C-alpha atoms as a PDB file:
ATOM      1  CA  MET A   1      -0.002   0.017  -0.020  1.00  0.00           C
ATOM      2  CA  LYS A   2       1.335   3.433  -0.955  1.00  0.00           C
ATOM      3  CA  CYS A   3       1.665   6.348   1.402  1.00  0.00           C
ATOM      4  CA  GLU A   4      -0.232   8.480  -1.040  1.00  0.00           C
ATOM      5  CA  TRP A   5      -3.369   6.324  -0.689  1.00  0.00           C
ATOM      6  CA  VAL A   6      -3.035   6.210   3.066  1.00  0.00           C
ATOM      7  CA  GLN A   7      -2.753  10.019   3.422  1.00  0.00           C
ATOM      8  CA  GLN A   8      -5.742  10.489   1.073  1.00  0.00           C
ATOM      9  CA  ASN A   9      -7.905   8.223   3.335  1.00  0.00           C
ATOM     10  CA  ILE A  10      -6.739   9.215   6.771  1.00  0.00           C
ATOM     11  CA  LEU A  11      -9.746  11.525   7.368  1.00  0.00           C
ATOM     12  CA  LEU A  12     -12.092   8.865   6.180  1.00  0.00           C
ATOM     13  CA  TYR A  13     -10.471   6.506   8.710  1.00  0.00           C
ATOM     14  CA  VAL A  14     -10.682   9.109  11.482  1.00  0.00           C
ATOM     15  CA  TYR A  15     -14.396   9.620  10.807  1.00  0.00           C
ATOM     16  CA  ASP A  16     -15.022   5.888  10.670  1.00  0.00           C
ATOM     17  CA  GLU A  17     -16.002   5.934   6.963  1.00  0.00           C
ATOM     18  CA  LEU A  18     -13.600   3.252   5.643  1.00  0.00           C
ATOM     19  CA  ALA A  19     -14.602  -0.349   5.001  1.00  0.00           C
ATOM     20  CA  ASP A  20     -13.189  -2.878   7.454  1.00  0.00           C
ATOM     21  CA  ASP A  21     -10.646  -4.269   4.992  1.00  0.00           C
ATOM     22  CA  ALA A  22      -9.417  -0.847   4.115  1.00  0.00           C
ATOM     23  CA  ARG A  23      -9.225   0.104   7.788  1.00  0.00           C
ATOM     24  CA  TYR A  24      -7.133  -2.944   8.498  1.00  0.00           C
ATOM     25  CA  GLU A  25      -4.735  -2.241   5.606  1.00  0.00           C
ATOM     26  CA  LEU A  26      -4.377   1.374   6.650  1.00  0.00           C
ATOM     27  CA  GLU A  27      -3.625   0.346  10.256  1.00  0.00           C
ATOM     28  CA  GLN A  28      -1.023  -2.143   9.176  1.00  0.00           C
ATOM     29  CA  HIS A  29       0.725   0.518   7.007  1.00  0.00           C
ATOM     30  CA  VAL A  30       0.699   3.114   9.725  1.00  0.00           C
ATOM     31  CA  GLY A  31       2.318   0.621  12.064  1.00  0.00           C
ATOM     32  CA  ARG A  32       5.282   0.432   9.725  1.00  0.00           C
ATOM     33  CA  CYS A  33       5.455   4.022   8.371  1.00  0.00           C
ATOM     34  CA  ALA A  34       6.437   6.847  10.778  1.00  0.00           C
ATOM     35  CA  LYS A  35       5.406   9.538   8.307  1.00  0.00           C
ATOM     36  CA  CYS A  36       1.874   8.195   7.812  1.00  0.00           C
ATOM     37  CA  ALA A  37       1.602   7.632  11.602  1.00  0.00           C
ATOM     38  CA  GLU A  38       2.324  11.281  12.095  1.00  0.00           C
ATOM     39  CA  GLU A  39      -0.343  12.202   9.488  1.00  0.00           C
ATOM     40  CA  LEU A  40      -2.803   9.997  11.310  1.00  0.00           C
ATOM     41  CA  GLU A  41      -2.070  11.640  14.628  1.00  0.00           C
ATOM     42  CA  PHE A  42      -2.519  15.063  13.032  1.00  0.00           C
ATOM     43  CA  GLY A  43      -5.847  13.947  11.600  1.00  0.00           C
ATOM     44  CA  ARG A  44      -7.072  12.668  14.952  1.00  0.00           C
ATOM     45  CA  GLU A  45      -6.044  15.949  16.594  1.00  0.00           C
ATOM     46  CA  PHE A  46      -7.826  17.967  13.853  1.00  0.00           C
ATOM     47  CA  HIS A  47     -10.990  15.854  14.419  1.00  0.00           C
ATOM     48  CA  ALA A  48     -10.890  16.368  18.124  1.00  0.00           C
ATOM     49  CA  ARG A  49     -10.467  20.145  17.913  1.00  0.00           C
ATOM     50  CA  LEU A  50     -13.157  20.474  15.233  1.00  0.00           C
ATOM     51  CA  GLY A  51     -15.592  18.367  17.323  1.00  0.00           C
ATOM     52  CA  ALA A  52     -14.939  20.450  20.375  1.00  0.00           C
ATOM     53  CA  SER A  53     -15.360  23.794  18.591  1.00  0.00           C
ATOM     54  CA  PHE A  54     -18.262  22.928  16.296  1.00  0.00           C
ATOM     55  CA  PRO A  55     -20.370  20.106  17.681  1.00  0.00           C
ATOM     56  CA  VAL A  56     -22.530  18.495  14.889  1.00  0.00           C
ATOM     57  CA  GLN A  57     -25.760  16.668  15.436  1.00  0.00           C
ATOM     58  CA  GLU A  58     -25.382  13.095  14.190  1.00  0.00           C
ATOM     59  CA  PRO A  59     -27.758  12.174  11.304  1.00  0.00           C
ATOM     60  CA  SER A  60     -30.248   9.381  11.875  1.00  0.00           C
ATOM     61  CA  ALA A  61     -29.100   5.827  10.962  1.00  0.00           C
ATOM     62  CA  ASN A  62     -31.960   5.769   8.473  1.00  0.00           C
ATOM     63  CA  LEU A  63     -30.801   8.882   6.650  1.00  0.00           C
ATOM     64  CA  LEU A  64     -27.172   7.754   6.708  1.00  0.00           C
ATOM     65  CA  ALA A  65     -27.932   4.311   5.321  1.00  0.00           C
ATOM     66  CA  GLY A  66     -30.175   5.635   2.598  1.00  0.00           C
ATOM     67  CA  SER A  67     -27.650   8.235   1.586  1.00  0.00           C
ATOM     68  CA  ARG A  68     -24.872   5.677   1.368  1.00  0.00           C
ATOM     69  CA  MET A  69     -26.953   3.362  -0.766  1.00  0.00           C
ATOM     70  CA  LYS A  70     -27.888   6.185  -3.168  1.00  0.00           C
ATOM     71  CA  LEU A  71     -24.256   7.261  -3.420  1.00  0.00           C
ATOM     72  CA  HIS A  72     -23.146   3.690  -4.085  1.00  0.00           C
ATOM     73  CA  GLU A  73     -25.824   3.382  -6.837  1.00  0.00           C
ATOM     74  CA  SER A  74     -24.722   6.626  -8.475  1.00  0.00           C
ATOM     75  CA  LEU A  75     -21.054   5.562  -8.424  1.00  0.00           C
ATOM     76  CA  GLU A  76     -21.938   2.201  -9.984  1.00  0.00           C
ATOM     77  CA  GLN A  77     -23.988   3.769 -12.790  1.00  0.00           C
ATOM     78  CA  THR A  78     -21.129   6.310 -13.425  1.00  0.00           C
ATOM     79  CA  ARG A  79     -18.610   3.531 -13.719  1.00  0.00           C
ATOM     80  CA  GLN A  80     -20.910   1.468 -16.006  1.00  0.00           C
ATOM     81  CA  ASN A  81     -21.661   4.384 -18.440  1.00  0.00           C
ATOM     82  CA  ALA A  82     -18.425   6.349 -18.433  1.00  0.00           C
ATOM     83  CA  PHE A  83     -16.425   4.080 -20.749  1.00  0.00           C
ATOM     84  CA  TRP A  84     -19.040   3.715 -23.512  1.00  0.00           C
ATOM     85  CA  ARG A  85     -20.241   7.246 -23.241  1.00  0.00           C
ATOM     86  CA  HIS A  86     -16.664   8.552 -23.681  1.00  0.00           C
ATOM     87  CA  LEU A  87     -16.045   6.204 -26.571  1.00  0.00           C
ATOM     88  CA  VAL A  88     -19.374   6.545 -28.439  1.00  0.00           C
ATOM     89  CA  LEU A  89     -20.496  10.079 -27.652  1.00  0.00           C
ATOM     90  CA  GLU A  90     -17.105  11.769 -27.718  1.00  0.00           C
ATOM     91  CA  PRO A  91     -15.311  10.334 -30.784  1.00  0.00           C
ATOM     92  CA  ALA A  92     -13.685  13.733 -31.477  1.00  0.00           C
ATOM     93  CA  VAL A  93     -11.825  13.499 -28.187  1.00  0.00           C
ATOM     94  CA  TRP A  94     -10.013  10.223 -28.921  1.00  0.00           C
ATOM     95  CA  LEU A  95      -9.620  11.040 -32.628  1.00  0.00           C
ATOM     96  CA  ARG A  96      -7.942  14.285 -31.683  1.00  0.00           C
ATOM     97  CA  GLN A  97      -5.706  12.383 -29.219  1.00  0.00           C
ATOM     98  CA  ILE A  98      -4.583   9.998 -31.928  1.00  0.00           C
ATOM     99  CA  ARG A  99      -4.070  12.861 -34.400  1.00  0.00           C
ATOM    100  CA  LEU A 100      -1.806  14.651 -31.856  1.00  0.00           C
ATOM    101  CA  ALA A 101       0.027  11.491 -30.922  1.00  0.00           C
ATOM    102  CA  PRO A 102       1.417   9.851 -34.085  1.00  0.00           C
ATOM    103  CA  ALA A 103       3.430   7.398 -32.036  1.00  0.00           C
ATOM    104  CA  LEU A 104       0.139   6.164 -30.422  1.00  0.00           C
ATOM    105  CA  ALA A 105      -1.499   5.836 -33.847  1.00  0.00           C
ATOM    106  CA  ALA A 106       1.437   3.825 -35.182  1.00  0.00           C
ATOM    107  CA  ALA A 107       1.365   1.573 -32.181  1.00  0.00           C
ATOM    108  CA  ILE A 108      -2.419   0.905 -32.674  1.00  0.00           C
ATOM    109  CA  PHE A 109      -1.815   0.138 -36.320  1.00  0.00           C
ATOM    110  CA  MET A 110       0.972  -2.291 -35.501  1.00  0.00           C
ATOM    111  CA  VAL A 111      -1.069  -4.111 -32.793  1.00  0.00           C
ATOM    112  CA  GLY A 112      -3.948  -4.478 -35.219  1.00  0.00           C
ATOM    113  CA  PHE A 113      -1.575  -5.715 -37.965  1.00  0.00           C
ATOM    114  CA  ALA A 114       0.003  -8.228 -35.650  1.00  0.00           C
ATOM    115  CA  GLY A 115      -3.416  -9.425 -34.455  1.00  0.00           C
ATOM    116  CA  GLY A 116      -4.435 -10.017 -38.091  1.00  0.00           C
ATOM    117  CA  ILE A 117      -1.259 -12.040 -38.722  1.00  0.00           C
ATOM    118  CA  ALA A 118      -1.804 -14.091 -35.593  1.00  0.00           C
ATOM    119  CA  THR A 119      -5.421 -14.869 -36.531  1.00  0.00           C
ATOM    120  CA  THR A 120      -4.384 -15.911 -40.076  1.00  0.00           C
ATOM    121  CA  TYR A 121      -1.731 -18.227 -38.690  1.00  0.00           C
ATOM    122  CA  LYS A 122      -4.214 -19.772 -36.290  1.00  0.00           C
ATOM    123  CA  VAL A 123      -6.686 -20.510 -39.066  1.00  0.00           C
ATOM    124  CA  VAL A 124      -3.996 -21.909 -41.424  1.00  0.00           C
ATOM    125  CA  SER A 125      -2.453 -24.062 -38.783  1.00  0.00           C
ATOM    126  CA  GLY A 126      -5.763 -25.764 -37.999  1.00  0.00           C
ATOM    127  CA  GLY A 127      -6.572 -23.842 -34.897  1.00  0.00           C
ATOM    128  CA  GLY A 128      -9.331 -21.818 -36.576  1.00  0.00           C
ATOM    129  CA  PRO A 129     -12.652 -21.063 -35.000  1.00  0.00           C
ATOM    130  CA  THR A 130     -14.709 -24.037 -34.098  1.00  0.00           C
ATOM    131  CA  ALA A 131     -18.478 -24.180 -33.753  1.00  0.00           C
ATOM    132  CA  GLU A 132     -18.037 -23.679 -30.109  1.00  0.00           C
ATOM    133  CA  ASN A 133     -15.784 -20.673 -30.541  1.00  0.00           C
ATOM    134  CA  ASN A 134     -18.247 -19.075 -32.954  1.00  0.00           C
ATOM    135  CA  HIS A 135     -21.011 -19.207 -30.283  1.00  0.00           C
ATOM    136  CA  PRO A 136     -21.538 -15.845 -28.786  1.00  0.00           C
ATOM    137  CA  SER A 137     -21.112 -17.335 -25.245  1.00  0.00           C
ATOM    138  CA  SER A 138     -17.677 -18.004 -23.703  1.00  0.00           C
ATOM    139  CA  THR A 139     -16.585 -19.162 -20.284  1.00  0.00           C
ATOM    140  CA  VAL A 140     -14.494 -16.710 -18.231  1.00  0.00           C
ATOM    141  CA  SER A 141     -11.597 -18.351 -16.335  1.00  0.00           C
ATOM    142  CA  GLU A 142     -11.676 -18.174 -12.563  1.00  0.00           C
ATOM    143  CA  ALA A 143      -8.645 -15.908 -12.570  1.00  0.00           C
ATOM    144  CA  SER A 144     -10.347 -13.167 -14.526  1.00  0.00           C
ATOM    145  CA  LEU A 145     -12.608 -10.710 -12.781  1.00  0.00           C
ATOM    146  CA  PRO A 146     -15.329  -9.027 -14.922  1.00  0.00           C
ATOM    147  CA  VAL A 147     -15.061  -5.313 -15.128  1.00  0.00           C
ATOM    148  CA  GLU A 148     -18.356  -4.003 -13.854  1.00  0.00           C
ATOM    149  CA  SER A 149     -18.396  -1.055 -16.242  1.00  0.00           C
ATOM    150  CA  LEU A 150     -18.194  -3.503 -19.171  1.00  0.00           C
ATOM    151  CA  VAL A 151     -21.101  -5.643 -18.037  1.00  0.00           C
ATOM    152  CA  SER A 152     -24.150  -4.607 -19.901  1.00  0.00           C
ATOM    153  CA  GLY A 153     -26.570  -7.064 -18.255  1.00  0.00           C
ATOM    154  CA  ILE A 154     -27.074 -10.389 -16.634  1.00  0.00           C
ATOM    155  CA  ARG A 155     -28.790 -13.018 -18.783  1.00  0.00           C
ATOM    156  CA  SER A 156     -29.467 -15.743 -16.275  1.00  0.00           C
ATOM    157  CA  VAL A 157     -28.492 -17.024 -12.781  1.00  0.00           C
ATOM    158  CA  SER A 158     -28.648 -20.630 -11.745  1.00  0.00           C
ATOM    159  CA  GLN A 159     -27.313 -22.926  -9.031  1.00  0.00           C
ATOM    160  CA  GLN A 160     -26.238 -26.535  -9.528  1.00  0.00           C
ATOM    161  CA  PRO A 161     -28.493 -28.798  -7.368  1.00  0.00           C
ATOM    162  CA  GLY A 162     -26.828 -30.123  -4.271  1.00  0.00           C
ATOM    163  CA  SER A 163     -23.786 -27.710  -4.452  1.00  0.00           C
ATOM    164  CA  ASP A 164     -22.873 -24.122  -3.934  1.00  0.00           C
ATOM    165  CA  GLN A 165     -21.664 -23.804  -7.586  1.00  0.00           C
ATOM    166  CA  VAL A 166     -23.371 -20.903  -9.371  1.00  0.00           C
ATOM    167  CA  THR A 167     -23.453 -20.257 -13.128  1.00  0.00           C
ATOM    168  CA  ILE A 168     -24.019 -16.600 -14.345  1.00  0.00           C
ATOM    169  CA  LYS A 169     -24.337 -15.667 -17.974  1.00  0.00           C
ATOM    170  CA  TYR A 170     -23.698 -11.975 -18.546  1.00  0.00           C
ATOM    171  CA  ASP A 171     -23.347  -9.667 -21.540  1.00  0.00           C
ATOM    172  CA  THR A 172     -20.493  -7.409 -22.534  1.00  0.00           C
ATOM    173  CA  VAL A 173     -20.048  -6.923 -26.257  1.00  0.00           C
ATOM    174  CA  SER A 174     -21.143 -10.548 -26.535  1.00  0.00           C
ATOM    175  CA  ALA A 175     -22.685 -12.934 -23.999  1.00  0.00           C
ATOM    176  CA  GLN A 176     -20.188 -14.427 -21.616  1.00  0.00           C
ATOM    177  CA  GLN A 177     -20.443 -16.931 -18.756  1.00  0.00           C
ATOM    178  CA  ALA A 178     -18.891 -17.119 -15.292  1.00  0.00           C
ATOM    179  CA  GLN A 179     -19.009 -20.154 -13.039  1.00  0.00           C
ATOM    180  CA  GLY A 180     -17.772 -20.570  -9.471  1.00  0.00           C
ATOM    181  CA  SER A 181     -18.611 -20.975  -5.857  1.00  0.00           C
ATOM    182  CA  LEU A 182     -20.955 -18.638  -3.988  1.00  0.00           C
ATOM    183  CA  ASN A 183     -17.882 -17.812  -1.866  1.00  0.00           C
ATOM    184  CA  ASP A 184     -16.094 -16.481  -4.967  1.00  0.00           C
ATOM    185  CA  GLN A 185     -15.782 -12.704  -4.949  1.00  0.00           C
ATOM    186  CA  ARG A 186     -16.269 -12.651  -8.730  1.00  0.00           C
ATOM    187  CA  ILE A 187     -19.568 -14.514  -8.477  1.00  0.00           C
ATOM    188  CA  GLN A 188     -20.777 -12.347  -5.615  1.00  0.00           C
ATOM    189  CA  GLN A 189     -19.891  -9.214  -7.571  1.00  0.00           C
ATOM    190  CA  LEU A 190     -21.962 -10.369 -10.541  1.00  0.00           C
ATOM    191  CA  LEU A 191     -24.890 -11.321  -8.313  1.00  0.00           C
ATOM    192  CA  VAL A 192     -24.883  -7.837  -6.712  1.00  0.00           C
ATOM    193  CA  PHE A 193     -24.713  -6.318 -10.150  1.00  0.00           C
ATOM    194  CA  ALA A 194     -27.707  -8.421 -11.319  1.00  0.00           C
ATOM    195  CA  ALA A 195     -29.756  -7.637  -8.193  1.00  0.00           C
ATOM    196  CA  ARG A 196     -29.220  -3.934  -8.648  1.00  0.00           C
ATOM    197  CA  ASN A 197     -29.181  -3.353 -12.408  1.00  0.00           C
ATOM    198  CA  ASN A 198     -30.781  -6.079 -14.425  1.00  0.00           C
ATOM    199  CA  TYR A 199     -33.881  -5.283 -16.465  1.00  0.00           C
ATOM    200  CA  ASN A 200     -35.223  -8.802 -15.971  1.00  0.00           C
ATOM    201  CA  PRO A 201     -37.074  -9.208 -12.652  1.00  0.00           C
ATOM    202  CA  GLY A 202     -36.656 -12.971 -12.813  1.00  0.00           C
ATOM    203  CA  VAL A 203     -32.851 -12.606 -12.937  1.00  0.00           C
ATOM    204  CA  ARG A 204     -33.014 -10.106 -10.054  1.00  0.00           C
ATOM    205  CA  MET A 205     -35.155 -12.607  -8.083  1.00  0.00           C
ATOM    206  CA  ASP A 206     -32.687 -15.421  -8.674  1.00  0.00           C
ATOM    207  CA  SER A 207     -29.764 -13.234  -7.706  1.00  0.00           C
ATOM    208  CA  VAL A 208     -31.379 -12.087  -4.481  1.00  0.00           C
ATOM    209  CA  ASP A 209     -32.323 -15.664  -3.713  1.00  0.00           C
ATOM    210  CA  LEU A 210     -28.648 -16.757  -4.109  1.00  0.00           C
ATOM    211  CA  LEU A 211     -27.285 -13.731  -2.201  1.00  0.00           C
ATOM    212  CA  ALA A 212     -29.606 -14.693   0.692  1.00  0.00           C
ATOM    213  CA  GLN A 213     -27.395 -17.739   1.220  1.00  0.00           C
ATOM    214  CA  ARG A 214     -24.555 -15.422   1.989  1.00  0.00           C
ATOM    215  CA  SER A 215     -26.483 -12.824   4.041  1.00  0.00           C
ATOM    216  CA  ASP A 216     -23.951 -13.209   6.902  1.00  0.00           C
ATOM    217  CA  ASP A 217     -21.656 -10.952   4.847  1.00  0.00           C
ATOM    218  CA  ALA A 218     -22.192  -7.239   5.495  1.00  0.00           C
ATOM    219  CA  ASN A 219     -21.632  -6.259   1.846  1.00  0.00           C
ATOM    220  CA  VAL A 220     -24.252  -8.767   0.734  1.00  0.00           C
ATOM    221  CA  ARG A 221     -26.725  -7.428   3.344  1.00  0.00           C
ATOM    222  CA  GLU A 222     -26.135  -3.923   1.923  1.00  0.00           C
ATOM    223  CA  ALA A 223     -27.058  -5.208  -1.545  1.00  0.00           C
ATOM    224  CA  LEU A 224     -30.185  -6.953  -0.119  1.00  0.00           C
ATOM    225  CA  SER A 225     -31.142  -3.813   1.737  1.00  0.00           C
ATOM    226  CA  TYR A 226     -30.876  -1.887  -1.558  1.00  0.00           C
ATOM    227  CA  ALA A 227     -33.145  -4.378  -3.243  1.00  0.00           C
ATOM    228  CA  LEU A 228     -35.673  -4.123  -0.345  1.00  0.00           C
ATOM    229  CA  ARG A 229     -35.754  -0.312  -0.587  1.00  0.00           C
ATOM    230  CA  TYR A 230     -35.621   0.348  -4.310  1.00  0.00           C
ATOM    231  CA  ASP A 231     -36.439  -2.725  -6.457  1.00  0.00           C
ATOM    232  CA  ALA A 232     -39.575  -2.166  -8.579  1.00  0.00           C
ATOM    233  CA  ASN A 233     -40.724  -5.797  -8.231  1.00  0.00           C
ATOM    234  CA  PRO A 234     -42.471  -6.698  -5.021  1.00  0.00           C
ATOM    235  CA  GLY A 235     -41.419 -10.312  -5.266  1.00  0.00           C
ATOM    236  CA  VAL A 236     -37.760  -9.277  -5.276  1.00  0.00           C
ATOM    237  CA  ARG A 237     -38.339  -6.953  -2.308  1.00  0.00           C
ATOM    238  CA  PHE A 238     -40.085  -9.728  -0.377  1.00  0.00           C
ATOM    239  CA  LYS A 239     -37.176 -12.146  -1.069  1.00  0.00           C
ATOM    240  CA  ALA A 240     -34.670  -9.513   0.181  1.00  0.00           C
ATOM    241  CA  LEU A 241     -36.815  -8.981   3.310  1.00  0.00           C
ATOM    242  CA  GLU A 242     -36.894 -12.692   4.013  1.00  0.00           C
ATOM    243  CA  ALA A 243     -33.094 -12.809   3.873  1.00  0.00           C
ATOM    244  CA  LEU A 244     -32.578  -9.792   6.054  1.00  0.00           C
ATOM    245  CA  LYS A 245     -35.010 -10.315   8.865  1.00  0.00           C
ATOM    246  CA  ALA A 246     -32.744 -12.667  10.800  1.00  0.00           C
ATOM    247  CA  TYR A 247     -30.298  -9.755  11.276  1.00  0.00           C
ATOM    248  CA  VAL A 248     -32.772  -7.114  12.526  1.00  0.00           C
ATOM    249  CA  LYS A 249     -31.358  -7.423  16.094  1.00  0.00           C
ATOM    250  CA  THR A 250     -27.708  -7.231  15.202  1.00  0.00           C
ATOM    251  CA  ASP A 251     -27.478  -4.871  12.225  1.00  0.00           C
ATOM    252  CA  VAL A 252     -28.902  -1.396  12.620  1.00  0.00           C
ATOM    253  CA  ARG A 253     -28.816  -0.856   8.788  1.00  0.00           C
ATOM    254  CA  VAL A 254     -31.083  -3.842   8.368  1.00  0.00           C
ATOM    255  CA  ARG A 255     -33.443  -2.479  10.990  1.00  0.00           C
ATOM    256  CA  ASP A 256     -33.569   0.825   9.134  1.00  0.00           C
ATOM    257  CA  SER A 257     -34.259  -0.857   5.852  1.00  0.00           C
ATOM    258  CA  LEU A 258     -37.170  -2.810   7.419  1.00  0.00           C
ATOM    259  CA  LEU A 259     -38.548   0.443   8.966  1.00  0.00           C
ATOM    260  CA  ALA A 260     -38.328   2.113   5.565  1.00  0.00           C
ATOM    261  CA  ALA A 261     -40.194  -0.726   3.945  1.00  0.00           C
ATOM    262  CA  LEU A 262     -42.832  -0.701   6.647  1.00  0.00           C
ATOM    263  CA  LEU A 263     -43.391   3.035   6.156  1.00  0.00           C
ATOM    264  CA  ASN A 264     -43.019   3.383   2.387  1.00  0.00           C
ATOM    265  CA  ASP A 265     -43.461   0.111   0.508  1.00  0.00           C
ATOM    266  CA  ALA A 266     -46.432   0.137  -1.822  1.00  0.00           C
ATOM    267  CA  ASN A 267     -47.111  -3.607  -1.400  1.00  0.00           C
ATOM    268  CA  PRO A 268     -49.171  -4.618   1.647  1.00  0.00           C
ATOM    269  CA  GLY A 269     -47.599  -8.062   1.840  1.00  0.00           C
ATOM    270  CA  VAL A 270     -44.056  -6.595   2.080  1.00  0.00           C
ATOM    271  CA  ARG A 271     -45.244  -4.092   4.766  1.00  0.00           C
ATOM    272  CA  THR A 272     -47.037  -6.817   6.772  1.00  0.00           C
ATOM    273  CA  GLU A 273     -43.897  -9.057   6.683  1.00  0.00           C
ATOM    274  CA  ALA A 274     -41.677  -6.061   7.734  1.00  0.00           C
ATOM    275  CA  LEU A 275     -44.037  -5.355  10.654  1.00  0.00           C
ATOM    276  CA  HIS A 276     -43.892  -8.942  11.881  1.00  0.00           C
ATOM    277  CA  SER A 277     -40.091  -9.074  11.422  1.00  0.00           C
ATOM    278  CA  LEU A 278     -39.667  -6.023  13.733  1.00  0.00           C
ATOM    279  CA  GLN A 279     -41.442  -7.637  16.565  1.00  0.00           C
ATOM    280  CA  ALA A 280     -38.080  -8.839  17.977  1.00  0.00           C
ATOM    281  CA  VAL A 281     -36.885  -5.187  18.398  1.00  0.00           C
ATOM    282  CA  GLY A 282     -40.118  -3.505  19.181  1.00  0.00           C
ATOM    283  CA  ALA A 283     -38.689  -1.889  22.315  1.00  0.00           C
ATOM    284  CA  ASP A 284     -36.120   0.054  20.177  1.00  0.00           C
ATOM    285  CA  SER A 285     -36.960   3.809  20.262  1.00  0.00           C
ATOM    286  CA  SER A 286     -36.994   4.161  16.463  1.00  0.00           C
ATOM    287  CA  VAL A 287     -39.236   1.079  16.014  1.00  0.00           C
ATOM    288  CA  ARG A 288     -41.512   2.299  18.787  1.00  0.00           C
ATOM    289  CA  ALA A 289     -41.826   5.725  17.096  1.00  0.00           C
ATOM    290  CA  VAL A 290     -42.769   4.088  13.772  1.00  0.00           C
ATOM    291  CA  LEU A 291     -45.351   1.871  15.402  1.00  0.00           C
ATOM    292  CA  GLN A 292     -46.928   4.824  17.146  1.00  0.00           C
ATOM    293  CA  LYS A 293     -47.196   6.679  13.847  1.00  0.00           C
ATOM    294  CA  LEU A 294     -48.761   3.664  12.115  1.00  0.00           C
ATOM    295  CA  ALA A 295     -51.168   3.045  14.951  1.00  0.00           C
ATOM    296  CA  ARG A 296     -52.435   6.616  14.636  1.00  0.00           C
ATOM    297  CA  LYS A 297     -52.974   7.118  10.903  1.00  0.00           C
ATOM    298  CA  ASP A 298     -51.897   4.346   8.586  1.00  0.00           C
ATOM    299  CA  ASP A 299     -54.096   3.792   5.508  1.00  0.00           C
ATOM    300  CA  SER A 300     -54.278   0.123   6.164  1.00  0.00           C
ATOM    301  CA  ARG A 301     -56.695  -1.050   8.875  1.00  0.00           C
ATOM    302  CA  TYR A 302     -54.689  -4.213   9.358  1.00  0.00           C
ATOM    303  CA  ILE A 303     -51.414  -2.373   9.764  1.00  0.00           C
ATOM    304  CA  ARG A 304     -53.000   0.058  12.246  1.00  0.00           C
ATOM    305  CA  SER A 305     -54.428  -2.813  14.376  1.00  0.00           C
ATOM    306  CA  GLN A 306     -51.202  -4.761  14.358  1.00  0.00           C
ATOM    307  CA  ALA A 307     -49.242  -1.725  15.292  1.00  0.00           C
ATOM    308  CA  ARG A 308     -51.512  -1.055  18.205  1.00  0.00           C
ATOM    309  CA  ALA A 309     -51.267  -4.664  19.250  1.00  0.00           C
ATOM    310  CA  GLU A 310     -47.481  -4.522  19.178  1.00  0.00           C
ATOM    311  CA  LEU A 311     -47.424  -1.288  21.205  1.00  0.00           C
ATOM    312  CA  ALA A 312     -49.696  -2.781  23.810  1.00  0.00           C
ATOM    313  CA  GLN A 313     -47.222  -5.581  24.441  1.00  0.00           C
ATOM    314  CA  LEU A 314     -44.272  -3.230  24.953  1.00  0.00           C
ATOM    315  CA  PRO A 315     -43.287  -2.056  28.426  1.00  0.00           C
ATOM    316  CA  GLU A 316     -44.220   1.528  29.301  1.00  0.00           C
ATOM    317  CA  ILE A 317     -41.498   4.182  29.254  1.00  0.00           C
ATOM    318  CA  TYR A 318     -41.608   6.557  32.263  1.00  0.00           C
END
């Protein structure tokens, strides 16, 4: 890890905004690098002084979780679209770059020429395209990790019966296929991509169903929470809720997602399941406040009566 990266992320570390793996790497580097350790101490001192001089009210966990999810969604969409938008919509930019860089143009010409010779040799020597190679689908090796910005969509998701092996067909310029264990980071990345971005609700449903088997992972729970909050298909939202409800006691972000579903979801089945799932944490102040609101004026008579019943079982606060 380079000092430059550490120094750029020290304030994120101080404000507890780094992911766990990044925090660990930064701490290991600081333990070895005196210069970065000094920067970290300065960052902590700055944070302490700023907090003492300008105390800031902490945002609610619900607002924070929702903001992070929307930011993550925006960053993903930016990465997916940036490459092709730059290539297709701004041809003058790269044409001008080539015109102003004759060495680059010559290099591109030579690479293309060499590629043509190599292809010709392969065909002549008997290694030409087979029927399988001509098929628009190909299998990605386990060592390769698909670049999310080049994945245009997920075609299908399936699990081999009796195993944790998952097969995912996804599109780039042509259809490709990835196969591996549910524990494989590459497979999980594609499943998260499918759950968030695929136009096919059946694929999103299958992806959420498979991600549910790894809901003990915080990153997977974040993807499931996103599906619960924002997916247009109620079946996908219900699947995500089923996977998340076991963590309502231990993960405040899951609790916030269930509260958001209870308050805002358009599907009565999803709202009812969210209400039942929150029974285990009914004494929580945020849950109690939502139940009180629902008991007073929710549009659903069933939700109102269930919220009142839940409140009646909670201990009084004096």
